[in-house]
Amino acid sequence: MKPASEIKSELLQFSGTTQYYRHLLGVLFTDGIKYLADECQCYWLLDLIVSWQTHQHVREQEFQVFKLKVDVSNRTAVVTIEDGNDNIIQTQKIPFTDFPLDSIEIWYSNKVMYLPSEH
């Protein structure tokens, strides 16, 4: 796995997408999200985002922001789902993670997951 600093730097270079990839339930994701999932070995995070779409109070939000914040001291994390206006819709604790970055933000709208820089 690449160093976190290199992954962060490369993630900033994604703007728009050249291809969409299909996940479960018809959800698509972009080049940047594919890079993130491959490099950080975090397809579980995509699964988490898709699984929350089965909950009406999340699904009814047209625009969603998923923020993963890792506590590096004990390798736990919290995912916060917001509506794009800093209003928290839901949180989920992750009891263990080997996610290499201290945080990441993924946007979700119209059944597409993407990085903020790809908007």
PDB file of N, CA and C in Angstrom:
ATOM      1  N   MET A   1       0.846  -1.181   0.000  1.00  0.00           N
ATOM      2  CA  MET A   1       0.000   0.000   0.000  1.00  0.00           C
ATOM      3  C   MET A   1       0.893   1.246   0.000  1.00  0.00           C
ATOM      4  N   LYS A   2       0.466   2.243  -0.741  1.00  0.00           N
ATOM      5  CA  LYS A   2       1.219   3.495  -0.811  1.00  0.00           C
ATOM      6  C   LYS A   2       1.125   4.246   0.515  1.00  0.00           C
ATOM      7  N   PRO A   3       2.069   5.138   0.785  1.00  0.00           N
ATOM      8  CA  PRO A   3       1.971   5.977   1.986  1.00  0.00           C
ATOM      9  C   PRO A   3       0.732   6.878   1.917  1.00  0.00           C
ATOM     10  N   ALA A   4       0.173   7.186   3.078  1.00  0.00           N
ATOM     11  CA  ALA A   4      -1.036   8.012   3.148  1.00  0.00           C
ATOM     12  C   ALA A   4      -0.850   9.349   2.444  1.00  0.00           C
ATOM     13  N   SER A   5       0.314   9.961   2.604  1.00  0.00           N
ATOM     14  CA  SER A   5       0.550  11.269   1.978  1.00  0.00           C
ATOM     15  C   SER A   5       0.475  11.176   0.456  1.00  0.00           C
ATOM     16  N   GLU A   6       0.959  10.090  -0.100  1.00  0.00           N
ATOM     17  CA  GLU A   6       0.909   9.906  -1.558  1.00  0.00           C
ATOM     18  C   GLU A   6      -0.529   9.676  -2.026  1.00  0.00           C
ATOM     19  N   ILE A   7      -1.282   8.881  -1.279  1.00  0.00           N
ATOM     20  CA  ILE A   7      -2.686   8.630  -1.628  1.00  0.00           C
ATOM     21  C   ILE A   7      -3.469   9.935  -1.588  1.00  0.00           C
ATOM     22  N   LYS A   8      -3.286  10.723  -0.518  1.00  0.00           N
ATOM     23  CA  LYS A   8      -3.992  12.004  -0.400  1.00  0.00           C
ATOM     24  C   LYS A   8      -3.671  12.916  -1.570  1.00  0.00           C
ATOM     25  N   SER A   9      -2.408  12.985  -1.934  1.00  0.00           N
ATOM     26  CA  SER A   9      -1.980  13.830  -3.043  1.00  0.00           C
ATOM     27  C   SER A   9      -2.621  13.384  -4.355  1.00  0.00           C
ATOM     28  N   GLU A  10      -2.643  12.093  -4.587  1.00  0.00           N
ATOM     29  CA  GLU A  10      -3.223  11.576  -5.822  1.00  0.00           C
ATOM     30  C   GLU A  10      -4.737  11.748  -5.857  1.00  0.00           C
ATOM     31  N   LEU A  11      -5.399  11.658  -4.710  1.00  0.00           N
ATOM     32  CA  LEU A  11      -6.849  11.855  -4.669  1.00  0.00           C
ATOM     33  C   LEU A  11      -7.238  13.267  -5.100  1.00  0.00           C
ATOM     34  N   LEU A  12      -6.387  14.242  -4.801  1.00  0.00           N
ATOM     35  CA  LEU A  12      -6.674  15.634  -5.165  1.00  0.00           C
ATOM     36  C   LEU A  12      -6.651  15.861  -6.670  1.00  0.00           C
ATOM     37  N   GLN A  13      -6.079  14.943  -7.416  1.00  0.00           N
ATOM     38  CA  GLN A  13      -5.955  15.115  -8.860  1.00  0.00           C
ATOM     39  C   GLN A  13      -7.198  14.676  -9.636  1.00  0.00           C
ATOM     40  N   PHE A  14      -8.161  14.081  -8.960  1.00  0.00           N
ATOM     41  CA  PHE A  14      -9.372  13.637  -9.652  1.00  0.00           C
ATOM     42  C   PHE A  14     -10.356  14.787  -9.784  1.00  0.00           C
ATOM     43  N   SER A  15     -10.771  15.054 -11.016  1.00  0.00           N
ATOM     44  CA  SER A  15     -11.813  16.057 -11.274  1.00  0.00           C
ATOM     45  C   SER A  15     -12.670  15.511 -12.408  1.00  0.00           C
ATOM     46  N   GLY A  16     -13.945  15.369 -12.138  1.00  0.00           N
ATOM     47  CA  GLY A  16     -14.791  14.689 -13.110  1.00  0.00           C
ATOM     48  C   GLY A  16     -14.427  13.214 -13.141  1.00  0.00           C
ATOM     49  N   THR A  17     -14.983  12.491 -14.082  1.00  0.00           N
ATOM     50  CA  THR A  17     -14.660  11.072 -14.214  1.00  0.00           C
ATOM     51  C   THR A  17     -14.717  10.685 -15.678  1.00  0.00           C
ATOM     52  N   THR A  18     -13.937   9.708 -16.055  1.00  0.00           N
ATOM     53  CA  THR A  18     -13.969   9.225 -17.435  1.00  0.00           C
ATOM     54  C   THR A  18     -14.811   7.963 -17.554  1.00  0.00           C
ATOM     55  N   GLN A  19     -15.096   7.345 -16.414  1.00  0.00           N
ATOM     56  CA  GLN A  19     -15.837   6.090 -16.423  1.00  0.00           C
ATOM     57  C   GLN A  19     -16.596   5.944 -15.113  1.00  0.00           C
ATOM     58  N   TYR A  20     -17.751   5.296 -15.179  1.00  0.00           N
ATOM     59  CA  TYR A  20     -18.507   4.956 -13.982  1.00  0.00           C
ATOM     60  C   TYR A  20     -18.424   3.452 -13.766  1.00  0.00           C
ATOM     61  N   TYR A  21     -18.361   3.062 -12.509  1.00  0.00           N
ATOM     62  CA  TYR A  21     -18.296   1.656 -12.119  1.00  0.00           C
ATOM     63  C   TYR A  21     -19.573   1.337 -11.356  1.00  0.00           C
ATOM     64  N   ARG A  22     -20.075   0.141 -11.507  1.00  0.00           N
ATOM     65  CA  ARG A  22     -21.350  -0.235 -10.895  1.00  0.00           C
ATOM     66  C   ARG A  22     -21.123  -1.016  -9.605  1.00  0.00           C
ATOM     67  N   HIS A  23     -21.870  -0.603  -8.582  1.00  0.00           N
ATOM     68  CA  HIS A  23     -21.903  -1.301  -7.301  1.00  0.00           C
ATOM     69  C   HIS A  23     -23.291  -1.920  -7.176  1.00  0.00           C
ATOM     70  N   LEU A  24     -23.609  -2.402  -6.007  1.00  0.00           N
ATOM     71  CA  LEU A  24     -24.916  -3.003  -5.759  1.00  0.00           C
ATOM     72  C   LEU A  24     -26.045  -1.985  -5.845  1.00  0.00           C
ATOM     73  N   LEU A  25     -27.239  -2.471  -6.010  1.00  0.00           N
ATOM     74  CA  LEU A  25     -28.456  -1.660  -6.019  1.00  0.00           C
ATOM     75  C   LEU A  25     -28.428  -0.552  -7.073  1.00  0.00           C
ATOM     76  N   GLY A  26     -27.655  -0.745  -8.129  1.00  0.00           N
ATOM     77  CA  GLY A  26     -27.613   0.248  -9.196  1.00  0.00           C
ATOM     78  C   GLY A  26     -26.811   1.491  -8.881  1.00  0.00           C
ATOM     79  N   VAL A  27     -26.087   1.493  -7.784  1.00  0.00           N
ATOM     80  CA  VAL A  27     -25.269   2.648  -7.408  1.00  0.00           C
ATOM     81  C   VAL A  27     -23.991   2.650  -8.245  1.00  0.00           C
ATOM     82  N   LEU A  28     -23.625   3.833  -8.728  1.00  0.00           N
ATOM     83  CA  LEU A  28     -22.411   3.994  -9.521  1.00  0.00           C
ATOM     84  C   LEU A  28     -21.345   4.701  -8.702  1.00  0.00           C
ATOM     85  N   PHE A  29     -20.085   4.536  -9.107  1.00  0.00           N
ATOM     86  CA  PHE A  29     -19.015   5.308  -8.488  1.00  0.00           C
ATOM     87  C   PHE A  29     -17.989   5.689  -9.538  1.00  0.00           C
ATOM     88  N   THR A  30     -17.232   6.715  -9.236  1.00  0.00           N
ATOM     89  CA  THR A  30     -16.349   7.374 -10.189  1.00  0.00           C
ATOM     90  C   THR A  30     -14.926   6.820 -10.147  1.00  0.00           C
ATOM     91  N   ASP A  31     -14.099   7.358 -11.048  1.00  0.00           N
ATOM     92  CA  ASP A  31     -12.682   6.991 -11.080  1.00  0.00           C
ATOM     93  C   ASP A  31     -12.004   7.250  -9.735  1.00  0.00           C
ATOM     94  N   GLY A  32     -12.296   8.394  -9.129  1.00  0.00           N
ATOM     95  CA  GLY A  32     -11.675   8.742  -7.852  1.00  0.00           C
ATOM     96  C   GLY A  32     -12.050   7.780  -6.744  1.00  0.00           C
ATOM     97  N   ILE A  33     -13.311   7.388  -6.705  1.00  0.00           N
ATOM     98  CA  ILE A  33     -13.764   6.432  -5.692  1.00  0.00           C
ATOM     99  C   ILE A  33     -13.145   5.058  -5.956  1.00  0.00           C
ATOM    100  N   LYS A  34     -13.036   4.673  -7.215  1.00  0.00           N
ATOM    101  CA  LYS A  34     -12.383   3.393  -7.542  1.00  0.00           C
ATOM    102  C   LYS A  34     -10.928   3.415  -7.092  1.00  0.00           C
ATOM    103  N   TYR A  35     -10.239   4.518  -7.345  1.00  0.00           N
ATOM    104  CA  TYR A  35      -8.850   4.647  -6.908  1.00  0.00           C
ATOM    105  C   TYR A  35      -8.766   4.530  -5.381  1.00  0.00           C
ATOM    106  N   LEU A  36      -9.631   5.246  -4.679  1.00  0.00           N
ATOM    107  CA  LEU A  36      -9.662   5.197  -3.214  1.00  0.00           C
ATOM    108  C   LEU A  36      -9.879   3.764  -2.727  1.00  0.00           C
ATOM    109  N   ALA A  37     -10.883   3.097  -3.275  1.00  0.00           N
ATOM    110  CA  ALA A  37     -11.212   1.733  -2.842  1.00  0.00           C
ATOM    111  C   ALA A  37     -10.070   0.760  -3.130  1.00  0.00           C
ATOM    112  N   ASP A  38      -9.431   0.916  -4.287  1.00  0.00           N
ATOM    113  CA  ASP A  38      -8.315   0.031  -4.642  1.00  0.00           C
ATOM    114  C   ASP A  38      -7.084   0.299  -3.777  1.00  0.00           C
ATOM    115  N   GLU A  39      -6.679   1.549  -3.684  1.00  0.00           N
ATOM    116  CA  GLU A  39      -5.444   1.899  -2.975  1.00  0.00           C
ATOM    117  C   GLU A  39      -5.564   1.734  -1.461  1.00  0.00           C
ATOM    118  N   CYS A  40      -6.730   2.033  -0.923  1.00  0.00           N
ATOM    119  CA  CYS A  40      -6.927   1.944   0.535  1.00  0.00           C
ATOM    120  C   CYS A  40      -7.573   0.624   0.941  1.00  0.00           C
ATOM    121  N   GLN A  41      -7.830  -0.221  -0.024  1.00  0.00           N
ATOM    122  CA  GLN A  41      -8.480  -1.502   0.235  1.00  0.00           C
ATOM    123  C   GLN A  41      -9.733  -1.305   1.090  1.00  0.00           C
ATOM    124  N   CYS A  42     -10.593  -0.414   0.613  1.00  0.00           N
ATOM    125  CA  CYS A  42     -11.767  -0.043   1.424  1.00  0.00           C
ATOM    126  C   CYS A  42     -13.078  -0.184   0.654  1.00  0.00           C
ATOM    127  N   TYR A  43     -13.219  -1.276  -0.066  1.00  0.00           N
ATOM    128  CA  TYR A  43     -14.524  -1.520  -0.692  1.00  0.00           C
ATOM    129  C   TYR A  43     -15.607  -1.663   0.375  1.00  0.00           C
ATOM    130  N   TRP A  44     -15.197  -1.986   1.601  1.00  0.00           N
ATOM    131  CA  TRP A  44     -16.148  -2.053   2.709  1.00  0.00           C
ATOM    132  C   TRP A  44     -16.820  -0.696   2.925  1.00  0.00           C
ATOM    133  N   LEU A  45     -16.102   0.401   2.667  1.00  0.00           N
ATOM    134  CA  LEU A  45     -16.676   1.735   2.842  1.00  0.00           C
ATOM    135  C   LEU A  45     -17.750   1.995   1.783  1.00  0.00           C
ATOM    136  N   LEU A  46     -17.530   1.545   0.575  1.00  0.00           N
ATOM    137  CA  LEU A  46     -18.548   1.658  -0.468  1.00  0.00           C
ATOM    138  C   LEU A  46     -19.769   0.824  -0.103  1.00  0.00           C
ATOM    139  N   ASP A  47     -19.527  -0.385   0.422  1.00  0.00           N
ATOM    140  CA  ASP A  47     -20.628  -1.235   0.884  1.00  0.00           C
ATOM    141  C   ASP A  47     -21.441  -0.526   1.961  1.00  0.00           C
ATOM    142  N   LEU A  48     -20.751   0.136   2.878  1.00  0.00           N
ATOM    143  CA  LEU A  48     -21.419   0.860   3.960  1.00  0.00           C
ATOM    144  C   LEU A  48     -22.320   1.954   3.389  1.00  0.00           C
ATOM    145  N   ILE A  49     -21.798   2.732   2.454  1.00  0.00           N
ATOM    146  CA  ILE A  49     -22.580   3.822   1.852  1.00  0.00           C
ATOM    147  C   ILE A  49     -23.811   3.268   1.145  1.00  0.00           C
ATOM    148  N   VAL A  50     -23.626   2.210   0.374  1.00  0.00           N
ATOM    149  CA  VAL A  50     -24.752   1.608  -0.338  1.00  0.00           C
ATOM    150  C   VAL A  50     -25.766   1.031   0.646  1.00  0.00           C
ATOM    151  N   SER A  51     -25.293   0.396   1.710  1.00  0.00           N
ATOM    152  CA  SER A  51     -26.220  -0.208   2.673  1.00  0.00           C
ATOM    153  C   SER A  51     -27.087   0.839   3.358  1.00  0.00           C
ATOM    154  N   TRP A  52     -26.554   2.042   3.578  1.00  0.00           N
ATOM    155  CA  TRP A  52     -27.356   3.098   4.196  1.00  0.00           C
ATOM    156  C   TRP A  52     -28.464   3.598   3.272  1.00  0.00           C
ATOM    157  N   GLN A  53     -28.354   3.321   1.981  1.00  0.00           N
ATOM    158  CA  GLN A  53     -29.403   3.749   1.051  1.00  0.00           C
ATOM    159  C   GLN A  53     -30.680   2.938   1.222  1.00  0.00           C
ATOM    160  N   THR A  54     -30.625   1.852   1.969  1.00  0.00           N
ATOM    161  CA  THR A  54     -31.827   1.066   2.248  1.00  0.00           C
ATOM    162  C   THR A  54     -32.637   1.652   3.403  1.00  0.00           C
ATOM    163  N   HIS A  55     -32.096   2.665   4.073  1.00  0.00           N
ATOM    164  CA  HIS A  55     -32.786   3.325   5.185  1.00  0.00           C
ATOM    165  C   HIS A  55     -33.455   4.594   4.664  1.00  0.00           C
ATOM    166  N   GLN A  56     -34.753   4.680   4.849  1.00  0.00           N
ATOM    167  CA  GLN A  56     -35.522   5.776   4.256  1.00  0.00           C
ATOM    168  C   GLN A  56     -35.021   7.150   4.677  1.00  0.00           C
ATOM    169  N   HIS A  57     -34.688   7.341   5.964  1.00  0.00           N
ATOM    170  CA  HIS A  57     -34.281   8.671   6.424  1.00  0.00           C
ATOM    171  C   HIS A  57     -32.971   9.124   5.786  1.00  0.00           C
ATOM    172  N   VAL A  58     -32.167   8.196   5.311  1.00  0.00           N
ATOM    173  CA  VAL A  58     -30.947   8.541   4.570  1.00  0.00           C
ATOM    174  C   VAL A  58     -31.283   8.692   3.089  1.00  0.00           C
ATOM    175  N   ARG A  59     -31.960   7.722   2.540  1.00  0.00           N
ATOM    176  CA  ARG A  59     -32.289   7.700   1.109  1.00  0.00           C
ATOM    177  C   ARG A  59     -33.070   8.937   0.673  1.00  0.00           C
ATOM    178  N   GLU A  60     -33.908   9.478   1.546  1.00  0.00           N
ATOM    179  CA  GLU A  60     -34.728  10.628   1.149  1.00  0.00           C
ATOM    180  C   GLU A  60     -33.917  11.915   1.011  1.00  0.00           C
ATOM    181  N   GLN A  61     -32.668  11.904   1.437  1.00  0.00           N
ATOM    182  CA  GLN A  61     -31.787  13.058   1.245  1.00  0.00           C
ATOM    183  C   GLN A  61     -31.214  12.995  -0.172  1.00  0.00           C
ATOM    184  N   GLU A  62     -31.507  13.993  -0.987  1.00  0.00           N
ATOM    185  CA  GLU A  62     -31.022  13.986  -2.371  1.00  0.00           C
ATOM    186  C   GLU A  62     -29.504  14.035  -2.439  1.00  0.00           C
ATOM    187  N   PHE A  63     -28.902  14.755  -1.508  1.00  0.00           N
ATOM    188  CA  PHE A  63     -27.449  14.902  -1.469  1.00  0.00           C
ATOM    189  C   PHE A  63     -26.973  14.457  -0.099  1.00  0.00           C
ATOM    190  N   GLN A  64     -25.946  13.611  -0.078  1.00  0.00           N
ATOM    191  CA  GLN A  64     -25.432  13.084   1.183  1.00  0.00           C
ATOM    192  C   GLN A  64     -23.916  13.220   1.216  1.00  0.00           C
ATOM    193  N   VAL A  65     -23.401  13.521   2.396  1.00  0.00           N
ATOM    194  CA  VAL A  65     -21.959  13.604   2.611  1.00  0.00           C
ATOM    195  C   VAL A  65     -21.589  12.551   3.648  1.00  0.00           C
ATOM    196  N   PHE A  66     -20.711  11.641   3.261  1.00  0.00           N
ATOM    197  CA  PHE A  66     -20.219  10.605   4.167  1.00  0.00           C
ATOM    198  C   PHE A  66     -18.815  10.993   4.591  1.00  0.00           C
ATOM    199  N   LYS A  67     -18.626  11.188   5.893  1.00  0.00           N
ATOM    200  CA  LYS A  67     -17.320  11.573   6.433  1.00  0.00           C
ATOM    201  C   LYS A  67     -16.804  10.453   7.326  1.00  0.00           C
ATOM    202  N   LEU A  68     -15.669   9.903   6.937  1.00  0.00           N
ATOM    203  CA  LEU A  68     -15.010   8.877   7.747  1.00  0.00           C
ATOM    204  C   LEU A  68     -13.874   9.541   8.495  1.00  0.00           C
ATOM    205  N   LYS A  69     -13.880   9.416   9.810  1.00  0.00           N
ATOM    206  CA  LYS A  69     -12.829   9.976  10.660  1.00  0.00           C
ATOM    207  C   LYS A  69     -12.233   8.827  11.459  1.00  0.00           C
ATOM    208  N   VAL A  70     -10.928   8.600  11.280  1.00  0.00           N
ATOM    209  CA  VAL A  70     -10.237   7.485  11.927  1.00  0.00           C
ATOM    210  C   VAL A  70      -9.510   7.973  13.174  1.00  0.00           C
ATOM    211  N   ASP A  71      -9.666   7.235  14.266  1.00  0.00           N
ATOM    212  CA  ASP A  71      -8.875   7.461  15.476  1.00  0.00           C
ATOM    213  C   ASP A  71      -7.664   6.543  15.358  1.00  0.00           C
ATOM    214  N   VAL A  72      -6.547   7.116  14.935  1.00  0.00           N
ATOM    215  CA  VAL A  72      -5.363   6.296  14.644  1.00  0.00           C
ATOM    216  C   VAL A  72      -4.779   5.630  15.886  1.00  0.00           C
ATOM    217  N   SER A  73      -5.047   6.178  17.068  1.00  0.00           N
ATOM    218  CA  SER A  73      -4.471   5.602  18.286  1.00  0.00           C
ATOM    219  C   SER A  73      -5.047   4.227  18.612  1.00  0.00           C
ATOM    220  N   ASN A  74      -6.327   4.010  18.307  1.00  0.00           N
ATOM    221  CA  ASN A  74      -6.916   2.699  18.604  1.00  0.00           C
ATOM    222  C   ASN A  74      -7.540   2.025  17.380  1.00  0.00           C
ATOM    223  N   ARG A  75      -7.294   2.589  16.183  1.00  0.00           N
ATOM    224  CA  ARG A  75      -7.742   2.016  14.910  1.00  0.00           C
ATOM    225  C   ARG A  75      -9.255   1.839  14.818  1.00  0.00           C
ATOM    226  N   THR A  76      -9.991   2.735  15.443  1.00  0.00           N
ATOM    227  CA  THR A  76     -11.442   2.758  15.293  1.00  0.00           C
ATOM    228  C   THR A  76     -11.801   3.941  14.402  1.00  0.00           C
ATOM    229  N   ALA A  77     -13.064   4.025  14.033  1.00  0.00           N
ATOM    230  CA  ALA A  77     -13.489   5.134  13.182  1.00  0.00           C
ATOM    231  C   ALA A  77     -14.961   5.429  13.416  1.00  0.00           C
ATOM    232  N   VAL A  78     -15.371   6.585  12.936  1.00  0.00           N
ATOM    233  CA  VAL A  78     -16.773   6.978  12.942  1.00  0.00           C
ATOM    234  C   VAL A  78     -17.110   7.496  11.553  1.00  0.00           C
ATOM    235  N   VAL A  79     -18.234   7.034  11.029  1.00  0.00           N
ATOM    236  CA  VAL A  79     -18.761   7.566   9.777  1.00  0.00           C
ATOM    237  C   VAL A  79     -19.940   8.454  10.137  1.00  0.00           C
ATOM    238  N   THR A  80     -19.901   9.673   9.659  1.00  0.00           N
ATOM    239  CA  THR A  80     -20.993  10.616   9.857  1.00  0.00           C
ATOM    240  C   THR A  80     -21.637  10.876   8.505  1.00  0.00           C
ATOM    241  N   ILE A  81     -22.954  10.770   8.469  1.00  0.00           N
ATOM    242  CA  ILE A  81     -23.699  11.060   7.247  1.00  0.00           C
ATOM    243  C   ILE A  81     -24.384  12.402   7.453  1.00  0.00           C
ATOM    244  N   GLU A  82     -24.125  13.335   6.541  1.00  0.00           N
ATOM    245  CA  GLU A  82     -24.714  14.670   6.615  1.00  0.00           C
ATOM    246  C   GLU A  82     -25.509  14.952   5.351  1.00  0.00           C
ATOM    247  N   ASP A  83     -26.317  16.010   5.421  1.00  0.00           N
ATOM    248  CA  ASP A  83     -27.170  16.373   4.290  1.00  0.00           C
ATOM    249  C   ASP A  83     -26.547  17.410   3.358  1.00  0.00           C
ATOM    250  N   GLY A  84     -25.293  17.750   3.568  1.00  0.00           N
ATOM    251  CA  GLY A  84     -24.635  18.755   2.747  1.00  0.00           C
ATOM    252  C   GLY A  84     -24.690  20.148   3.338  1.00  0.00           C
ATOM    253  N   ASN A  85     -25.501  20.319   4.376  1.00  0.00           N
ATOM    254  CA  ASN A  85     -25.611  21.591   5.089  1.00  0.00           C
ATOM    255  C   ASN A  85     -25.147  21.441   6.528  1.00  0.00           C
ATOM    256  N   ASP A  86     -24.269  20.488   6.772  1.00  0.00           N
ATOM    257  CA  ASP A  86     -23.711  20.195   8.094  1.00  0.00           C
ATOM    258  C   ASP A  86     -24.739  19.675   9.090  1.00  0.00           C
ATOM    259  N   ASN A  87     -25.894  19.228   8.610  1.00  0.00           N
ATOM    260  CA  ASN A  87     -26.887  18.601   9.475  1.00  0.00           C
ATOM    261  C   ASN A  87     -26.633  17.095   9.473  1.00  0.00           C
ATOM    262  N   ILE A  88     -26.417  16.538  10.655  1.00  0.00           N
ATOM    263  CA  ILE A  88     -26.120  15.107  10.770  1.00  0.00           C
ATOM    264  C   ILE A  88     -27.403  14.300  10.630  1.00  0.00           C
ATOM    265  N   ILE A  89     -27.361  13.341   9.723  1.00  0.00           N
ATOM    266  CA  ILE A  89     -28.484  12.433   9.498  1.00  0.00           C
ATOM    267  C   ILE A  89     -28.308  11.169  10.329  1.00  0.00           C
ATOM    268  N   GLN A  90     -27.062  10.673  10.370  1.00  0.00           N
ATOM    269  CA  GLN A  90     -26.782   9.396  11.026  1.00  0.00           C
ATOM    270  C   GLN A  90     -25.289   9.301  11.308  1.00  0.00           C
ATOM    271  N   THR A  91     -24.930   8.541  12.326  1.00  0.00           N
ATOM    272  CA  THR A  91     -23.522   8.202  12.555  1.00  0.00           C
ATOM    273  C   THR A  91     -23.421   6.687  12.734  1.00  0.00           C
ATOM    274  N   GLN A  92     -22.251   6.171  12.432  1.00  0.00           N
ATOM    275  CA  GLN A  92     -21.987   4.745  12.618  1.00  0.00           C
ATOM    276  C   GLN A  92     -20.566   4.579  13.118  1.00  0.00           C
ATOM    277  N   LYS A  93     -20.423   3.837  14.211  1.00  0.00           N
ATOM    278  CA  LYS A  93     -19.093   3.545  14.746  1.00  0.00           C
ATOM    279  C   LYS A  93     -18.524   2.320  14.038  1.00  0.00           C
ATOM    280  N   ILE A  94     -17.239   2.387  13.750  1.00  0.00           N
ATOM    281  CA  ILE A  94     -16.510   1.276  13.142  1.00  0.00           C
ATOM    282  C   ILE A  94     -15.540   0.769  14.212  1.00  0.00           C
ATOM    283  N   PRO A  95     -15.743  -0.451  14.740  1.00  0.00           N
ATOM    284  CA  PRO A  95     -14.937  -0.925  15.867  1.00  0.00           C
ATOM    285  C   PRO A  95     -13.471  -1.195  15.538  1.00  0.00           C
ATOM    286  N   PHE A  96     -13.170  -1.462  14.275  1.00  0.00           N
ATOM    287  CA  PHE A  96     -11.774  -1.641  13.869  1.00  0.00           C
ATOM    288  C   PHE A  96     -11.645  -1.286  12.404  1.00  0.00           C
ATOM    289  N   THR A  97     -10.550  -0.601  12.066  1.00  0.00           N
ATOM    290  CA  THR A  97     -10.255  -0.322  10.668  1.00  0.00           C
ATOM    291  C   THR A  97      -8.751  -0.231  10.451  1.00  0.00           C
ATOM    292  N   ASP A  98      -8.335  -0.648   9.281  1.00  0.00           N
ATOM    293  CA  ASP A  98      -6.944  -0.454   8.876  1.00  0.00           C
ATOM    294  C   ASP A  98      -6.870   0.593   7.756  1.00  0.00           C
ATOM    295  N   PHE A  99      -7.912   1.409   7.653  1.00  0.00           N
ATOM    296  CA  PHE A  99      -7.952   2.468   6.646  1.00  0.00           C
ATOM    297  C   PHE A  99      -6.727   3.356   6.832  1.00  0.00           C
ATOM    298  N   PRO A 100      -5.947   3.587   5.777  1.00  0.00           N
ATOM    299  CA  PRO A 100      -4.651   4.257   5.931  1.00  0.00           C
ATOM    300  C   PRO A 100      -4.692   5.778   6.092  1.00  0.00           C
ATOM    301  N   LEU A 101      -5.824   6.408   5.778  1.00  0.00           N
ATOM    302  CA  LEU A 101      -5.927   7.863   5.900  1.00  0.00           C
ATOM    303  C   LEU A 101      -6.610   8.216   7.212  1.00  0.00           C
ATOM    304  N   ASP A 102      -6.357   9.427   7.715  1.00  0.00           N
ATOM    305  CA  ASP A 102      -7.015   9.827   8.960  1.00  0.00           C
ATOM    306  C   ASP A 102      -8.465  10.231   8.735  1.00  0.00           C
ATOM    307  N   SER A 103      -8.804  10.592   7.498  1.00  0.00           N
ATOM    308  CA  SER A 103     -10.186  10.943   7.180  1.00  0.00           C
ATOM    309  C   SER A 103     -10.381  10.940   5.668  1.00  0.00           C
ATOM    310  N   ILE A 104     -11.642  10.859   5.279  1.00  0.00           N
ATOM    311  CA  ILE A 104     -12.014  10.977   3.863  1.00  0.00           C
ATOM    312  C   ILE A 104     -13.470  11.428   3.815  1.00  0.00           C
ATOM    313  N   GLU A 105     -13.804  12.146   2.764  1.00  0.00           N
ATOM    314  CA  GLU A 105     -15.173  12.590   2.543  1.00  0.00           C
ATOM    315  C   GLU A 105     -15.620  12.080   1.182  1.00  0.00           C
ATOM    316  N   ILE A 106     -16.788  11.457   1.164  1.00  0.00           N
ATOM    317  CA  ILE A 106     -17.376  10.947  -0.077  1.00  0.00           C
ATOM    318  C   ILE A 106     -18.763  11.555  -0.218  1.00  0.00           C
ATOM    319  N   TRP A 107     -19.052  12.054  -1.404  1.00  0.00           N
ATOM    320  CA  TRP A 107     -20.368  12.621  -1.681  1.00  0.00           C
ATOM    321  C   TRP A 107     -21.206  11.596  -2.424  1.00  0.00           C
ATOM    322  N   TYR A 108     -22.526  11.676  -2.190  1.00  0.00           N
ATOM    323  CA  TYR A 108     -23.465  10.754  -2.818  1.00  0.00           C
ATOM    324  C   TYR A 108     -24.669  11.551  -3.284  1.00  0.00           C
ATOM    325  N   SER A 109     -25.001  11.410  -4.562  1.00  0.00           N
ATOM    326  CA  SER A 109     -26.174  12.084  -5.115  1.00  0.00           C
ATOM    327  C   SER A 109     -26.610  11.346  -6.370  1.00  0.00           C
ATOM    328  N   ASN A 110     -27.912  11.223  -6.555  1.00  0.00           N
ATOM    329  CA  ASN A 110     -28.458  10.578  -7.761  1.00  0.00           C
ATOM    330  C   ASN A 110     -27.840   9.204  -8.020  1.00  0.00           C
ATOM    331  N   LYS A 111     -27.677   8.436  -6.957  1.00  0.00           N
ATOM    332  CA  LYS A 111     -27.130   7.071  -7.027  1.00  0.00           C
ATOM    333  C   LYS A 111     -25.700   7.023  -7.554  1.00  0.00           C
ATOM    334  N   VAL A 112     -24.920   8.083  -7.285  1.00  0.00           N
ATOM    335  CA  VAL A 112     -23.512   8.118  -7.672  1.00  0.00           C
ATOM    336  C   VAL A 112     -22.672   8.523  -6.464  1.00  0.00           C
ATOM    337  N   MET A 113     -21.605   7.759  -6.186  1.00  0.00           N
ATOM    338  CA  MET A 113     -20.619   8.114  -5.162  1.00  0.00           C
ATOM    339  C   MET A 113     -19.438   8.779  -5.856  1.00  0.00           C
ATOM    340  N   TYR A 114     -18.961   9.900  -5.290  1.00  0.00           N
ATOM    341  CA  TYR A 114     -17.836  10.599  -5.902  1.00  0.00           C
ATOM    342  C   TYR A 114     -17.072  11.407  -4.866  1.00  0.00           C
ATOM    343  N   LEU A 115     -15.847  11.768  -5.215  1.00  0.00           N
ATOM    344  CA  LEU A 115     -15.036  12.632  -4.364  1.00  0.00           C
ATOM    345  C   LEU A 115     -15.505  14.070  -4.539  1.00  0.00           C
ATOM    346  N   PRO A 116     -15.361  14.913  -3.515  1.00  0.00           N
ATOM    347  CA  PRO A 116     -15.742  16.323  -3.675  1.00  0.00           C
ATOM    348  C   PRO A 116     -15.069  16.991  -4.877  1.00  0.00           C
ATOM    349  N   SER A 117     -13.831  16.635  -5.158  1.00  0.00           N
ATOM    350  CA  SER A 117     -13.117  17.242  -6.292  1.00  0.00           C
ATOM    351  C   SER A 117     -13.683  16.811  -7.644  1.00  0.00           C
ATOM    352  N   GLU A 118     -14.505  15.767  -7.652  1.00  0.00           N
ATOM    353  CA  GLU A 118     -15.089  15.282  -8.906  1.00  0.00           C
ATOM    354  C   GLU A 118     -16.449  15.905  -9.194  1.00  0.00           C
ATOM    355  N   HIS A 119     -16.914  16.782  -8.329  1.00  0.00           N
ATOM    356  CA  HIS A 119     -18.228  17.408  -8.500  1.00  0.00           C
ATOM    357  C   HIS A 119     -18.182  18.433  -9.607  1.00  0.00           C
TER     358      HIS A 119
END
